[in-house]
């Protein structure tokens, strides 16, 4: 398993309060954020048990979902549902994205 899997899980734990706030304001955005964030962790895990093209596809999907997760948080902030998201969580997500970009390129 990639060493970023635990980073994703830590970010998910940190997002819980923001998710609850987003849920109250925009249930659809909260649902999309939960799906995207979960997809990152699940595709990383699935990719670690795969080989070749399947592994690459799972990592590419995880990358797209990580970008979507970050974008959902940015949208929630832009719409005023949440305050500026903690820099450490954004840094974790950017670390995951950076690692996945290097892997799938």
PDB file of N, CA and C in Angstrom:
ATOM      1  N   UNK A   1       0.852  -1.183   0.000  1.00  0.00           N
ATOM      2  CA  UNK A   1       0.000   0.000   0.000  1.00  0.00           C
ATOM      3  C   UNK A   1       0.892   1.239   0.000  1.00  0.00           C
ATOM      4  N   UNK A   2       0.462   2.222  -0.773  1.00  0.00           N
ATOM      5  CA  UNK A   2       1.212   3.477  -0.800  1.00  0.00           C
ATOM      6  C   UNK A   2       1.199   4.129   0.579  1.00  0.00           C
ATOM      7  N   UNK A   3       2.272   4.804   0.907  1.00  0.00           N
ATOM      8  CA  UNK A   3       2.375   5.453   2.213  1.00  0.00           C
ATOM      9  C   UNK A   3       1.431   6.632   2.377  1.00  0.00           C
ATOM     10  N   UNK A   4       0.779   7.043   1.300  1.00  0.00           N
ATOM     11  CA  UNK A   4      -0.162   8.164   1.398  1.00  0.00           C
ATOM     12  C   UNK A   4      -1.550   7.719   1.847  1.00  0.00           C
ATOM     13  N   UNK A   5      -1.788   6.427   1.936  1.00  0.00           N
ATOM     14  CA  UNK A   5      -3.119   5.950   2.358  1.00  0.00           C
ATOM     15  C   UNK A   5      -3.476   6.483   3.738  1.00  0.00           C
ATOM     16  N   UNK A   6      -2.533   6.414   4.668  1.00  0.00           N
ATOM     17  CA  UNK A   6      -2.803   6.921   6.025  1.00  0.00           C
ATOM     18  C   UNK A   6      -2.999   8.437   6.022  1.00  0.00           C
ATOM     19  N   UNK A   7      -2.352   9.127   5.093  1.00  0.00           N
ATOM     20  CA  UNK A   7      -2.508  10.579   4.975  1.00  0.00           C
ATOM     21  C   UNK A   7      -3.955  10.905   4.579  1.00  0.00           C
ATOM     22  N   UNK A   8      -4.487  10.128   3.656  1.00  0.00           N
ATOM     23  CA  UNK A   8      -5.877  10.316   3.227  1.00  0.00           C
ATOM     24  C   UNK A   8      -6.827  10.063   4.402  1.00  0.00           C
ATOM     25  N   UNK A   9      -6.603   8.993   5.138  1.00  0.00           N
ATOM     26  CA  UNK A   9      -7.476   8.682   6.274  1.00  0.00           C
ATOM     27  C   UNK A   9      -7.417   9.774   7.340  1.00  0.00           C
ATOM     28  N   UNK A  10      -6.225  10.311   7.591  1.00  0.00           N
ATOM     29  CA  UNK A  10      -6.098  11.418   8.551  1.00  0.00           C
ATOM     30  C   UNK A  10      -6.862  12.648   8.065  1.00  0.00           C
ATOM     31  N   UNK A  11      -6.754  12.936   6.771  1.00  0.00           N
ATOM     32  CA  UNK A  11      -7.483  14.075   6.210  1.00  0.00           C
ATOM     33  C   UNK A  11      -8.990  13.865   6.348  1.00  0.00           C
ATOM     34  N   UNK A  12      -9.454  12.649   6.110  1.00  0.00           N
ATOM     35  CA  UNK A  12     -10.889  12.344   6.261  1.00  0.00           C
ATOM     36  C   UNK A  12     -11.351  12.584   7.698  1.00  0.00           C
ATOM     37  N   UNK A  13     -10.572  12.151   8.654  1.00  0.00           N
ATOM     38  CA  UNK A  13     -10.934  12.366  10.062  1.00  0.00           C
ATOM     39  C   UNK A  13     -11.040  13.856  10.374  1.00  0.00           C
ATOM     40  N   UNK A  14     -10.100  14.623   9.835  1.00  0.00           N
ATOM     41  CA  UNK A  14     -10.084  16.062  10.083  1.00  0.00           C
ATOM     42  C   UNK A  14     -11.251  16.762   9.397  1.00  0.00           C
ATOM     43  N   UNK A  15     -11.740  16.211   8.302  1.00  0.00           N
ATOM     44  CA  UNK A  15     -12.834  16.819   7.534  1.00  0.00           C
ATOM     45  C   UNK A  15     -14.209  16.630   8.167  1.00  0.00           C
ATOM     46  N   UNK A  16     -14.340  15.718   9.097  1.00  0.00           N
ATOM     47  CA  UNK A  16     -15.675  15.398   9.638  1.00  0.00           C
ATOM     48  C   UNK A  16     -16.480  16.608  10.097  1.00  0.00           C
ATOM     49  N   UNK A  17     -15.928  17.524  10.889  1.00  0.00           N
ATOM     50  CA  UNK A  17     -16.734  18.684  11.298  1.00  0.00           C
ATOM     51  C   UNK A  17     -17.164  19.549  10.112  1.00  0.00           C
ATOM     52  N   UNK A  18     -16.262  19.747   9.162  1.00  0.00           N
ATOM     53  CA  UNK A  18     -16.605  20.543   7.980  1.00  0.00           C
ATOM     54  C   UNK A  18     -17.686  19.850   7.162  1.00  0.00           C
ATOM     55  N   UNK A  19     -17.602  18.541   7.060  1.00  0.00           N
ATOM     56  CA  UNK A  19     -18.631  17.789   6.340  1.00  0.00           C
ATOM     57  C   UNK A  19     -20.008  17.995   6.961  1.00  0.00           C
ATOM     58  N   UNK A  20     -20.060  17.982   8.272  1.00  0.00           N
ATOM     59  CA  UNK A  20     -21.344  18.190   8.959  1.00  0.00           C
ATOM     60  C   UNK A  20     -21.893  19.586   8.664  1.00  0.00           C
ATOM     61  N   UNK A  21     -21.024  20.563   8.636  1.00  0.00           N
ATOM     62  CA  UNK A  21     -21.448  21.933   8.330  1.00  0.00           C
ATOM     63  C   UNK A  21     -21.908  22.048   6.883  1.00  0.00           C
ATOM     64  N   UNK A  22     -21.152  21.451   5.981  1.00  0.00           N
ATOM     65  CA  UNK A  22     -21.541  21.479   4.564  1.00  0.00           C
ATOM     66  C   UNK A  22     -22.872  20.755   4.382  1.00  0.00           C
ATOM     67  N   UNK A  23     -23.058  19.655   5.078  1.00  0.00           N
ATOM     68  CA  UNK A  23     -24.295  18.874   4.991  1.00  0.00           C
ATOM     69  C   UNK A  23     -25.507  19.741   5.334  1.00  0.00           C
ATOM     70  N   UNK A  24     -25.389  20.559   6.354  1.00  0.00           N
ATOM     71  CA  UNK A  24     -26.507  21.426   6.755  1.00  0.00           C
ATOM     72  C   UNK A  24     -26.829  22.468   5.691  1.00  0.00           C
ATOM     73  N   UNK A  25     -25.809  22.938   4.984  1.00  0.00           N
ATOM     74  CA  UNK A  25     -25.982  23.983   3.986  1.00  0.00           C
ATOM     75  C   UNK A  25     -26.266  23.461   2.585  1.00  0.00           C
ATOM     76  N   UNK A  26     -25.649  22.342   2.241  1.00  0.00           N
ATOM     77  CA  UNK A  26     -25.741  21.826   0.870  1.00  0.00           C
ATOM     78  C   UNK A  26     -25.547  20.312   0.884  1.00  0.00           C
ATOM     79  N   UNK A  27     -26.620  19.563   1.117  1.00  0.00           N
ATOM     80  CA  UNK A  27     -26.499  18.106   1.199  1.00  0.00           C
ATOM     81  C   UNK A  27     -25.887  17.465  -0.052  1.00  0.00           C
ATOM     82  N   UNK A  28     -26.170  18.024  -1.220  1.00  0.00           N
ATOM     83  CA  UNK A  28     -25.611  17.448  -2.444  1.00  0.00           C
ATOM     84  C   UNK A  28     -24.091  17.588  -2.490  1.00  0.00           C
ATOM     85  N   UNK A  29     -23.590  18.766  -2.119  1.00  0.00           N
ATOM     86  CA  UNK A  29     -22.148  18.972  -2.100  1.00  0.00           C
ATOM     87  C   UNK A  29     -21.494  18.079  -1.045  1.00  0.00           C
ATOM     88  N   UNK A  30     -22.119  17.937   0.100  1.00  0.00           N
ATOM     89  CA  UNK A  30     -21.585  17.072   1.154  1.00  0.00           C
ATOM     90  C   UNK A  30     -21.516  15.619   0.680  1.00  0.00           C
ATOM     91  N   UNK A  31     -22.548  15.181  -0.007  1.00  0.00           N
ATOM     92  CA  UNK A  31     -22.581  13.807  -0.527  1.00  0.00           C
ATOM     93  C   UNK A  31     -21.457  13.608  -1.551  1.00  0.00           C
ATOM     94  N   UNK A  32     -21.287  14.586  -2.430  1.00  0.00           N
ATOM     95  CA  UNK A  32     -20.228  14.491  -3.429  1.00  0.00           C
ATOM     96  C   UNK A  32     -18.850  14.491  -2.772  1.00  0.00           C
ATOM     97  N   UNK A  33     -18.665  15.328  -1.759  1.00  0.00           N
ATOM     98  CA  UNK A  33     -17.399  15.366  -1.033  1.00  0.00           C
ATOM     99  C   UNK A  33     -17.119  14.026  -0.357  1.00  0.00           C
ATOM    100  N   UNK A  34     -18.128  13.453   0.297  1.00  0.00           N
ATOM    101  CA  UNK A  34     -17.934  12.142   0.949  1.00  0.00           C
ATOM    102  C   UNK A  34     -17.559  11.075  -0.068  1.00  0.00           C
ATOM    103  N   UNK A  35     -18.260  11.049  -1.198  1.00  0.00           N
ATOM    104  CA  UNK A  35     -17.962  10.040  -2.229  1.00  0.00           C
ATOM    105  C   UNK A  35     -16.546  10.211  -2.770  1.00  0.00           C
ATOM    106  N   UNK A  36     -16.178  11.454  -3.079  1.00  0.00           N
ATOM    107  CA  UNK A  36     -14.848  11.705  -3.653  1.00  0.00           C
ATOM    108  C   UNK A  36     -13.747  11.345  -2.655  1.00  0.00           C
ATOM    109  N   UNK A  37     -13.899  11.802  -1.416  1.00  0.00           N
ATOM    110  CA  UNK A  37     -12.872  11.538  -0.405  1.00  0.00           C
ATOM    111  C   UNK A  37     -12.754  10.043  -0.112  1.00  0.00           C
ATOM    112  N   UNK A  38     -13.877   9.369  -0.035  1.00  0.00           N
ATOM    113  CA  UNK A  38     -13.853   7.917   0.185  1.00  0.00           C
ATOM    114  C   UNK A  38     -13.200   7.206  -0.990  1.00  0.00           C
ATOM    115  N   UNK A  39     -13.478   7.689  -2.184  1.00  0.00           N
ATOM    116  CA  UNK A  39     -12.923   7.082  -3.389  1.00  0.00           C
ATOM    117  C   UNK A  39     -11.400   7.126  -3.412  1.00  0.00           C
ATOM    118  N   UNK A  40     -10.827   8.186  -2.882  1.00  0.00           N
ATOM    119  CA  UNK A  40      -9.364   8.278  -2.845  1.00  0.00           C
ATOM    120  C   UNK A  40      -8.804   7.102  -2.046  1.00  0.00           C
ATOM    121  N   UNK A  41      -9.284   6.949  -0.832  1.00  0.00           N
ATOM    122  CA  UNK A  41      -8.769   5.883   0.042  1.00  0.00           C
ATOM    123  C   UNK A  41      -9.058   4.499  -0.539  1.00  0.00           C
ATOM    124  N   UNK A  42     -10.267   4.307  -1.032  1.00  0.00           N
ATOM    125  CA  UNK A  42     -10.646   2.987  -1.539  1.00  0.00           C
ATOM    126  C   UNK A  42      -9.885   2.607  -2.803  1.00  0.00           C
ATOM    127  N   UNK A  43      -9.674   3.565  -3.694  1.00  0.00           N
ATOM    128  CA  UNK A  43      -8.920   3.260  -4.916  1.00  0.00           C
ATOM    129  C   UNK A  43      -7.443   3.059  -4.640  1.00  0.00           C
ATOM    130  N   UNK A  44      -6.901   3.767  -3.649  1.00  0.00           N
ATOM    131  CA  UNK A  44      -5.514   3.498  -3.254  1.00  0.00           C
ATOM    132  C   UNK A  44      -5.377   2.063  -2.743  1.00  0.00           C
ATOM    133  N   UNK A  45      -6.325   1.655  -1.914  1.00  0.00           N
ATOM    134  CA  UNK A  45      -6.277   0.292  -1.365  1.00  0.00           C
ATOM    135  C   UNK A  45      -6.448  -0.750  -2.469  1.00  0.00           C
ATOM    136  N   UNK A  46      -7.395  -0.499  -3.360  1.00  0.00           N
ATOM    137  CA  UNK A  46      -7.626  -1.459  -4.449  1.00  0.00           C
ATOM    138  C   UNK A  46      -6.408  -1.524  -5.372  1.00  0.00           C
ATOM    139  N   UNK A  47      -5.827  -0.372  -5.668  1.00  0.00           N
ATOM    140  CA  UNK A  47      -4.651  -0.351  -6.523  1.00  0.00           C
ATOM    141  C   UNK A  47      -3.468  -1.079  -5.923  1.00  0.00           C
ATOM    142  N   UNK A  48      -3.347  -1.032  -4.607  1.00  0.00           N
ATOM    143  CA  UNK A  48      -2.212  -1.695  -3.967  1.00  0.00           C
ATOM    144  C   UNK A  48      -2.302  -3.209  -4.083  1.00  0.00           C
ATOM    145  N   UNK A  49      -3.497  -3.719  -4.297  1.00  0.00           N
ATOM    146  CA  UNK A  49      -3.663  -5.164  -4.459  1.00  0.00           C
ATOM    147  C   UNK A  49      -3.733  -5.591  -5.909  1.00  0.00           C
ATOM    148  N   UNK A  50      -3.448  -4.667  -6.816  1.00  0.00           N
ATOM    149  CA  UNK A  50      -3.534  -4.942  -8.246  1.00  0.00           C
ATOM    150  C   UNK A  50      -2.164  -4.811  -8.885  1.00  0.00           C
ATOM    151  N   UNK A  51      -2.119  -5.133 -10.164  1.00  0.00           N
ATOM    152  CA  UNK A  51      -0.858  -5.008 -10.904  1.00  0.00           C
ATOM    153  C   UNK A  51      -1.139  -4.416 -12.278  1.00  0.00           C
ATOM    154  N   UNK A  52      -0.087  -3.903 -12.889  1.00  0.00           N
ATOM    155  CA  UNK A  52      -0.157  -3.442 -14.267  1.00  0.00           C
ATOM    156  C   UNK A  52      -1.176  -2.348 -14.512  1.00  0.00           C
ATOM    157  N   UNK A  53      -1.961  -2.547 -15.566  1.00  0.00           N
ATOM    158  CA  UNK A  53      -2.929  -1.554 -15.990  1.00  0.00           C
ATOM    159  C   UNK A  53      -4.027  -1.288 -14.982  1.00  0.00           C
ATOM    160  N   UNK A  54      -4.426  -2.305 -14.242  1.00  0.00           N
ATOM    161  CA  UNK A  54      -5.477  -2.121 -13.235  1.00  0.00           C
ATOM    162  C   UNK A  54      -4.959  -1.225 -12.117  1.00  0.00           C
ATOM    163  N   UNK A  55      -3.738  -1.461 -11.691  1.00  0.00           N
ATOM    164  CA  UNK A  55      -3.125  -0.622 -10.639  1.00  0.00           C
ATOM    165  C   UNK A  55      -3.054   0.829 -11.112  1.00  0.00           C
ATOM    166  N   UNK A  56      -2.590   1.013 -12.332  1.00  0.00           N
ATOM    167  CA  UNK A  56      -2.482   2.363 -12.890  1.00  0.00           C
ATOM    168  C   UNK A  56      -3.861   3.031 -12.949  1.00  0.00           C
ATOM    169  N   UNK A  57      -4.868   2.294 -13.381  1.00  0.00           N
ATOM    170  CA  UNK A  57      -6.229   2.847 -13.471  1.00  0.00           C
ATOM    171  C   UNK A  57      -6.763   3.244 -12.096  1.00  0.00           C
ATOM    172  N   UNK A  58      -6.542   2.407 -11.081  1.00  0.00           N
ATOM    173  CA  UNK A  58      -7.014   2.740  -9.733  1.00  0.00           C
ATOM    174  C   UNK A  58      -6.306   3.974  -9.197  1.00  0.00           C
ATOM    175  N   UNK A  59      -5.014   4.077  -9.440  1.00  0.00           N
ATOM    176  CA  UNK A  59      -4.264   5.253  -8.977  1.00  0.00           C
ATOM    177  C   UNK A  59      -4.712   6.504  -9.726  1.00  0.00           C
ATOM    178  N   UNK A  60      -5.015   6.375 -11.000  1.00  0.00           N
ATOM    179  CA  UNK A  60      -5.506   7.523 -11.775  1.00  0.00           C
ATOM    180  C   UNK A  60      -6.873   7.960 -11.241  1.00  0.00           C
ATOM    181  N   UNK A  61      -7.725   6.989 -10.906  1.00  0.00           N
ATOM    182  CA  UNK A  61      -9.033   7.315 -10.330  1.00  0.00           C
ATOM    183  C   UNK A  61      -8.862   7.991  -8.978  1.00  0.00           C
ATOM    184  N   UNK A  62      -7.936   7.487  -8.159  1.00  0.00           N
ATOM    185  CA  UNK A  62      -7.665   8.102  -6.858  1.00  0.00           C
ATOM    186  C   UNK A  62      -7.190   9.541  -7.032  1.00  0.00           C
ATOM    187  N   UNK A  63      -6.382   9.786  -8.043  1.00  0.00           N
ATOM    188  CA  UNK A  63      -5.904  11.141  -8.322  1.00  0.00           C
ATOM    189  C   UNK A  63      -7.071  12.062  -8.660  1.00  0.00           C
ATOM    190  N   UNK A  64      -7.940  11.618  -9.550  1.00  0.00           N
ATOM    191  CA  UNK A  64      -9.103  12.438  -9.900  1.00  0.00           C
ATOM    192  C   UNK A  64      -9.979  12.715  -8.699  1.00  0.00           C
ATOM    193  N   UNK A  65     -10.167  11.715  -7.866  1.00  0.00           N
ATOM    194  CA  UNK A  65     -10.996  11.884  -6.671  1.00  0.00           C
ATOM    195  C   UNK A  65     -10.340  12.805  -5.653  1.00  0.00           C
ATOM    196  N   UNK A  66      -9.021  12.750  -5.544  1.00  0.00           N
ATOM    197  CA  UNK A  66      -8.314  13.659  -4.627  1.00  0.00           C
ATOM    198  C   UNK A  66      -8.475  15.101  -5.085  1.00  0.00           C
ATOM    199  N   UNK A  67      -8.367  15.312  -6.382  1.00  0.00           N
ATOM    200  CA  UNK A  67      -8.571  16.662  -6.922  1.00  0.00           C
ATOM    201  C   UNK A  67     -10.009  17.120  -6.697  1.00  0.00           C
ATOM    202  N   UNK A  68     -10.939  16.207  -6.883  1.00  0.00           N
ATOM    203  CA  UNK A  68     -12.348  16.537  -6.661  1.00  0.00           C
ATOM    204  C   UNK A  68     -12.611  16.862  -5.188  1.00  0.00           C
ATOM    205  N   UNK A  69     -11.996  16.122  -4.290  1.00  0.00           N
ATOM    206  CA  UNK A  69     -12.145  16.374  -2.854  1.00  0.00           C
ATOM    207  C   UNK A  69     -11.678  17.783  -2.513  1.00  0.00           C
ATOM    208  N   UNK A  70     -10.501  18.135  -2.982  1.00  0.00           N
ATOM    209  CA  UNK A  70      -9.971  19.475  -2.723  1.00  0.00           C
ATOM    210  C   UNK A  70     -10.891  20.538  -3.325  1.00  0.00           C
ATOM    211  N   UNK A  71     -11.386  20.290  -4.511  1.00  0.00           N
ATOM    212  CA  UNK A  71     -12.280  21.252  -5.157  1.00  0.00           C
ATOM    213  C   UNK A  71     -13.590  21.402  -4.395  1.00  0.00           C
ATOM    214  N   UNK A  72     -14.136  20.313  -3.891  1.00  0.00           N
ATOM    215  CA  UNK A  72     -15.369  20.392  -3.085  1.00  0.00           C
ATOM    216  C   UNK A  72     -15.162  21.287  -1.869  1.00  0.00           C
ATOM    217  N   UNK A  73     -14.028  21.143  -1.216  1.00  0.00           N
ATOM    218  CA  UNK A  73     -13.731  21.980  -0.056  1.00  0.00           C
ATOM    219  C   UNK A  73     -13.591  23.448  -0.465  1.00  0.00           C
ATOM    220  N   UNK A  74     -12.957  23.673  -1.599  1.00  0.00           N
ATOM    221  CA  UNK A  74     -12.802  25.044  -2.088  1.00  0.00           C
ATOM    222  C   UNK A  74     -14.153  25.660  -2.459  1.00  0.00           C
ATOM    223  N   UNK A  75     -15.031  24.868  -3.057  1.00  0.00           N
ATOM    224  CA  UNK A  75     -16.379  25.347  -3.398  1.00  0.00           C
ATOM    225  C   UNK A  75     -17.152  25.674  -2.127  1.00  0.00           C
ATOM    226  N   UNK A  76     -17.088  24.786  -1.137  1.00  0.00           N
ATOM    227  CA  UNK A  76     -17.787  25.031   0.130  1.00  0.00           C
ATOM    228  C   UNK A  76     -17.293  26.307   0.788  1.00  0.00           C
ATOM    229  N   UNK A  77     -16.004  26.550   0.708  1.00  0.00           N
ATOM    230  CA  UNK A  77     -15.437  27.777   1.270  1.00  0.00           C
ATOM    231  C   UNK A  77     -15.896  28.995   0.464  1.00  0.00           C
ATOM    232  N   UNK A  78     -15.850  28.885  -0.865  1.00  0.00           N
ATOM    233  CA  UNK A  78     -16.235  30.003  -1.728  1.00  0.00           C
ATOM    234  C   UNK A  78     -17.707  30.376  -1.542  1.00  0.00           C
ATOM    235  N   UNK A  79     -18.541  29.381  -1.270  1.00  0.00           N
ATOM    236  CA  UNK A  79     -19.969  29.632  -1.071  1.00  0.00           C
ATOM    237  C   UNK A  79     -20.301  30.039   0.362  1.00  0.00           C
ATOM    238  N   UNK A  80     -19.296  30.072   1.224  1.00  0.00           N
ATOM    239  CA  UNK A  80     -19.496  30.523   2.593  1.00  0.00           C
ATOM    240  C   UNK A  80     -20.053  29.475   3.536  1.00  0.00           C
ATOM    241  N   UNK A  81     -20.002  28.206   3.129  1.00  0.00           N
ATOM    242  CA  UNK A  81     -20.487  27.138   4.008  1.00  0.00           C
ATOM    243  C   UNK A  81     -19.509  26.861   5.139  1.00  0.00           C
ATOM    244  N   UNK A  82     -18.234  27.012   4.845  1.00  0.00           N
ATOM    245  CA  UNK A  82     -17.179  26.781   5.837  1.00  0.00           C
ATOM    246  C   UNK A  82     -16.184  27.928   5.755  1.00  0.00           C
ATOM    247  N   UNK A  83     -15.437  28.108   6.830  1.00  0.00           N
ATOM    248  CA  UNK A  83     -14.346  29.087   6.835  1.00  0.00           C
ATOM    249  C   UNK A  83     -13.181  28.491   6.050  1.00  0.00           C
ATOM    250  N   UNK A  84     -12.115  29.247   5.926  1.00  0.00           N
ATOM    251  CA  UNK A  84     -10.928  28.738   5.247  1.00  0.00           C
ATOM    252  C   UNK A  84     -10.543  27.399   5.860  1.00  0.00           C
ATOM    253  N   UNK A  85     -10.357  26.431   5.004  1.00  0.00           N
ATOM    254  CA  UNK A  85     -10.061  25.091   5.489  1.00  0.00           C
ATOM    255  C   UNK A  85      -8.648  25.059   6.048  1.00  0.00           C
ATOM    256  N   UNK A  86      -8.401  24.292   7.119  1.00  0.00           N
ATOM    257  CA  UNK A  86      -7.073  24.259   7.732  1.00  0.00           C
ATOM    258  C   UNK A  86      -5.969  23.945   6.723  1.00  0.00           C
ATOM    259  N   UNK A  87      -4.915  24.716   6.796  1.00  0.00           N
ATOM    260  CA  UNK A  87      -3.805  24.586   5.852  1.00  0.00           C
ATOM    261  C   UNK A  87      -3.184  23.188   5.898  1.00  0.00           C
ATOM    262  N   UNK A  88      -3.170  22.555   7.073  1.00  0.00           N
ATOM    263  CA  UNK A  88      -2.556  21.230   7.150  1.00  0.00           C
ATOM    264  C   UNK A  88      -3.346  20.196   6.370  1.00  0.00           C
ATOM    265  N   UNK A  89      -4.673  20.329   6.324  1.00  0.00           N
ATOM    266  CA  UNK A  89      -5.482  19.383   5.548  1.00  0.00           C
ATOM    267  C   UNK A  89      -5.261  19.616   4.059  1.00  0.00           C
ATOM    268  N   UNK A  90      -5.240  20.866   3.668  1.00  0.00           N
ATOM    269  CA  UNK A  90      -4.973  21.191   2.267  1.00  0.00           C
ATOM    270  C   UNK A  90      -3.591  20.670   1.873  1.00  0.00           C
ATOM    271  N   UNK A  91      -2.619  20.834   2.748  1.00  0.00           N
ATOM    272  CA  UNK A  91      -1.268  20.334   2.472  1.00  0.00           C
ATOM    273  C   UNK A  91      -1.269  18.812   2.336  1.00  0.00           C
ATOM    274  N   UNK A  92      -2.032  18.129   3.169  1.00  0.00           N
ATOM    275  CA  UNK A  92      -2.112  16.661   3.062  1.00  0.00           C
ATOM    276  C   UNK A  92      -2.709  16.252   1.722  1.00  0.00           C
ATOM    277  N   UNK A  93      -3.795  16.918   1.336  1.00  0.00           N
ATOM    278  CA  UNK A  93      -4.426  16.587   0.060  1.00  0.00           C
ATOM    279  C   UNK A  93      -3.478  16.890  -1.102  1.00  0.00           C
ATOM    280  N   UNK A  94      -2.761  17.986  -1.020  1.00  0.00           N
ATOM    281  CA  UNK A  94      -1.802  18.316  -2.085  1.00  0.00           C
ATOM    282  C   UNK A  94      -0.656  17.301  -2.124  1.00  0.00           C
ATOM    283  N   UNK A  95      -0.262  16.787  -0.971  1.00  0.00           N
ATOM    284  CA  UNK A  95       0.770  15.745  -0.932  1.00  0.00           C
ATOM    285  C   UNK A  95       0.271  14.482  -1.628  1.00  0.00           C
ATOM    286  N   UNK A  96      -0.966  14.102  -1.349  1.00  0.00           N
ATOM    287  CA  UNK A  96      -1.565  12.929  -1.996  1.00  0.00           C
ATOM    288  C   UNK A  96      -1.620  13.153  -3.506  1.00  0.00           C
ATOM    289  N   UNK A  97      -2.095  14.316  -3.912  1.00  0.00           N
ATOM    290  CA  UNK A  97      -2.192  14.633  -5.343  1.00  0.00           C
ATOM    291  C   UNK A  97      -0.810  14.597  -5.989  1.00  0.00           C
ATOM    292  N   UNK A  98       0.168  15.212  -5.361  1.00  0.00           N
ATOM    293  CA  UNK A  98       1.520  15.224  -5.901  1.00  0.00           C
ATOM    294  C   UNK A  98       2.105  13.834  -6.053  1.00  0.00           C
ATOM    295  N   UNK A  99       1.899  13.002  -5.052  1.00  0.00           N
ATOM    296  CA  UNK A  99       2.402  11.617  -5.120  1.00  0.00           C
ATOM    297  C   UNK A  99       1.741  10.864  -6.264  1.00  0.00           C
ATOM    298  N   UNK A 100       0.421  11.016  -6.373  1.00  0.00           N
ATOM    299  CA  UNK A 100      -0.301  10.300  -7.426  1.00  0.00           C
ATOM    300  C   UNK A 100       0.052  10.805  -8.823  1.00  0.00           C
ATOM    301  N   UNK A 101       0.291  12.106  -8.947  1.00  0.00           N
ATOM    302  CA  UNK A 101       0.715  12.651 -10.253  1.00  0.00           C
ATOM    303  C   UNK A 101       2.029  11.989 -10.678  1.00  0.00           C
ATOM    304  N   UNK A 102       2.958  11.858  -9.737  1.00  0.00           N
ATOM    305  CA  UNK A 102       4.239  11.227 -10.061  1.00  0.00           C
ATOM    306  C   UNK A 102       4.059   9.754 -10.432  1.00  0.00           C
ATOM    307  N   UNK A 103       3.129   9.074  -9.799  1.00  0.00           N
ATOM    308  CA  UNK A 103       2.937   7.648 -10.046  1.00  0.00           C
ATOM    309  C   UNK A 103       2.278   7.392 -11.392  1.00  0.00           C
ATOM    310  N   UNK A 104       1.269   8.186 -11.726  1.00  0.00           N
ATOM    311  CA  UNK A 104       0.505   7.901 -12.949  1.00  0.00           C
ATOM    312  C   UNK A 104       1.092   8.555 -14.193  1.00  0.00           C
ATOM    313  N   UNK A 105       2.079   9.420 -14.028  1.00  0.00           N
ATOM    314  CA  UNK A 105       2.673  10.099 -15.197  1.00  0.00           C
ATOM    315  C   UNK A 105       3.653   9.200 -15.919  1.00  0.00           C
TER     316      UNK A 105
END
